[in-house]
Amino acid sequence: MELTFSKVDFHCKDNNSAHHTSDITSKELIVRRGQTFLLTIHLEQAFDPNNALLLLSALTGSHSSEERGTQALFGIPEQRVERSEAAIAVWRAELHHSSKHGVGNVVLEVTPHTAAPVGKYLLSLKKGEKDVALGELVVLFNPWCSDDWVFLSDEKQCQEYVMNEQGMIFKGSWRYIQSMAWDYSQFEENMVDICLKLLDVNPKYKRDPADDVSARCNPIYVGRVVSAMINSVGDRGVLEGCWDGSYYDGFSPSHWKGSLDILQMWHGKDCHPVKYGQCWVFAAVMCTVMRCLGIPCRVVTNFNSAHDTDNSLTIDIYHSKHGTEPLYSPDSVWNFHVWVEAWMRRPDLQEDGSYDGWQVLDPTPQEMSQGVYCCGPASVTAIHQGDTNLKYDVPFVFAEVNADVIDWLVKDDGSKAKLLSDTKRVGKNISTKSVGSNKRKNITNSYKYKEGTEKERITFDHAITRDYSRDGHRVKPEDEGEDEESENDEDYEPELGNRAEDEGNSNDTNEPQQIHMFFLTNSEQVNGQDIKQSLLIYSHDSVDRLLSVTISVQAMLYNGVPMGEIQRQQKELTLEVTQEQEIPVVIPFSVYGKHLLKCDSLKVTAVCTDKDNPELVNLQEIDVVPKDPPIITTVSGEARLGREMKVDVKFRNPLEETLTNLTLSMSGSGLLQHFEHRLPDLRPHNQVRILTTMVPYKTGEKTLLVDLDCSAFRDIKGRCTVTVTE
């Protein structure tokens, strides 16, 4: 008997709620693979499974087939469904208990296979050789399903790494860690369509659509595609990178507060790249896409992050005699670098699950991976163990967190002398947002053994030799003892008056290091105020020393590129036996302020030379990242869904000069999509106050994000948390 349907009910509201997709929409069916959803088909005649076959098909992509897993045949009764013997990703259907024989309303429990490719599916009723379309649905990865490769057993982590639309990103330097709120907005309107469009314009799809869509069953493959498509190098990716400080034809990377504007702009511009992004923007947008697709994801910041261009696992830094860094070094150490970790299984590396769990994926275009500007997924466990023979890009990420640094002095005649060999400088305070709070979580020990331990050096030797037959040079996982993750305060500042030193600095000659230098931080470093540091010099030598000290200040991009020396002071002194000498270092705002509009930090470098022994040279550096002046944001009124609330933003000009070109913008997923307002000039020490309203459109804990840009300060960020109820 040929069945004819009159209508179909996808139960979008109930199904989406059960599948953790109701925050996306209640009007379109969005389900997760490996989990049952309800489907009611209203037939024009009674249905008896003993006498008739209700046969359905679900297909995705333009070249769907059962053999590729992109088409699934399923129905009632199951034993009468004829499938290809090579069919994979087989869907199942059962009659729901509310279905009754002999009536036309058939309620089905449909379960997409756990290896079904993610994407948009067309659901059809098979009538002989014809297909009658019932409608469309979207299938996503399912971290709540134990058979899915992205399964995450901890519900609190699922809520954080899949469902949370707000997050924190950490920037600055390892001594001056600053937090910045970010709005991922993965469940905002059209975000699923945008993310699926991103998959459909990737070059692999253009080359072989059937193969690409079929491979979307695999989070490893999807992760690499998304990593490549977030940057625009070589494809129609989302963001164009820029690190030279010139953003006249786009937006400064510091302008962005969330992913929504970026992804909507890219989609609305027919997939032309948005200008501009840098590492934290690339990573945050990728986190949005991964969470939207159902892959648990978090943003990670690595402070003192090495960029190793030749896979040597060592970084060479060259200094002039005044301490400034010449521009020609191919290697670099970034103040910080931001990537993402995605949670997934890695049976392609080891069937026993040894390398499952967090995987590094980096969408910032640094080096090519298999001919494409992407990075990962690189198993964090493999990085920790120094298994640099494994895919993808483990050697590059290992160097980012654990390369050795060699500082060289370039003399006037061009010759080079080794200053320091530092095994501890790279990979400090690797940080991510804590689960359920905005505190910073230090995950350094998940990437490497504790610096200074024998385990760390053995692992480094294992990684650098690439000799995997030397079992004695491998630390066994059961030997791990100090790899607990630690949770720190949301922001980190060095304790005032503490010695700021790179613990790993060591003179690798047989000559003992007789001069010691440390920078002292004596006050909070705030943009708009003079920066005050001190250089402390002492010696354990038994004779007085005549010293020449040069202290240089450079404006720096966060990726380790110097943008010019802005201040230098030189001093000769006699360091007496057992004496400490302290040299004040003051950097006036009038000197550094204009440079921080295009740069990210100040590098203060001290070079100390023994006048009687010019070959004895000492180097000490500190990266200073001043905090922005505060912008105060408050809300008043009852935080209720659909009810108007008042927003109050205040900012006081801390300078002796008038601020011009003031622009205030606000946004926040669930609260306010976008607000922008030009402000009048702000005279010295005067306050500007902006009063406006917003109407929350989602419940839960939400964050209102504020950005103030002006002539003297670049994109000051503020935030306010609001809990919205029904």
Foldseek 3Di string as FASTA:
>chain_A
DFWAFDAKDQQQCVQCVVQVQVLQDSPAAEHEAQAWGKMKTFIPFFDDLVVDKWKKKKADFPDTDQLLLRMEIETPPRVPTDHDPNGDQHKYKDFDPPDDGGHRITMITIHGHLLHFWAKIWMFTDGPPDTHTRGIYTYFHGLCHPPHQQPDPDPLLCCVQQVDQKAWDWDDFLQFIDIAIEGLLLSYHCNRVLLNVLQCFQVVCVVPVSNSRSVSSDVFSVLQSLLQQCEPPPTLHQADEDQPLDQPPADDQLQHRYQPVSSVVCVVVVSHYHPHHDQVNSASNSSSSCSSRPWGKFKKKWAQFKQDDPLQLEFEWEAELLGDTDQPGPIFTFSMGMWMWTFGFCVVVPVVRQQGTTFTKGSGQDDDWPNTRIFDRHRLQCLAFLVQVDDDPSSRRNSRAFGWYWYWYQYPVRDIDTAWIFRQSHGHQIWTADRPDLFIKRQSLSRYPDPPDPQRVLSVVCNNVVDVVPVVSTDDPVPDDPRDIGIDGNTHHPDAQDWDFRVRTDDPDPDHQFKDKTKGQHDAFAQQFKGKIKIKIAGQDPAKFWKKKKKWKFFAASRGRTPDTQDMDIDIDIHGHPDMDMGMDIGGSVRCQVSVSRHFWMKIKMWMAGPVHRVNIHITIDTGGHAYDDKDKDKDDAQEAQDKIKIKIKDFAQHQAKKAFKKKKKDKVQKHHIDIDTDHIGHHRDMDMDMDMIHGHDAAKIKMKMWIDIDRDHTRIDIDIDGYYD
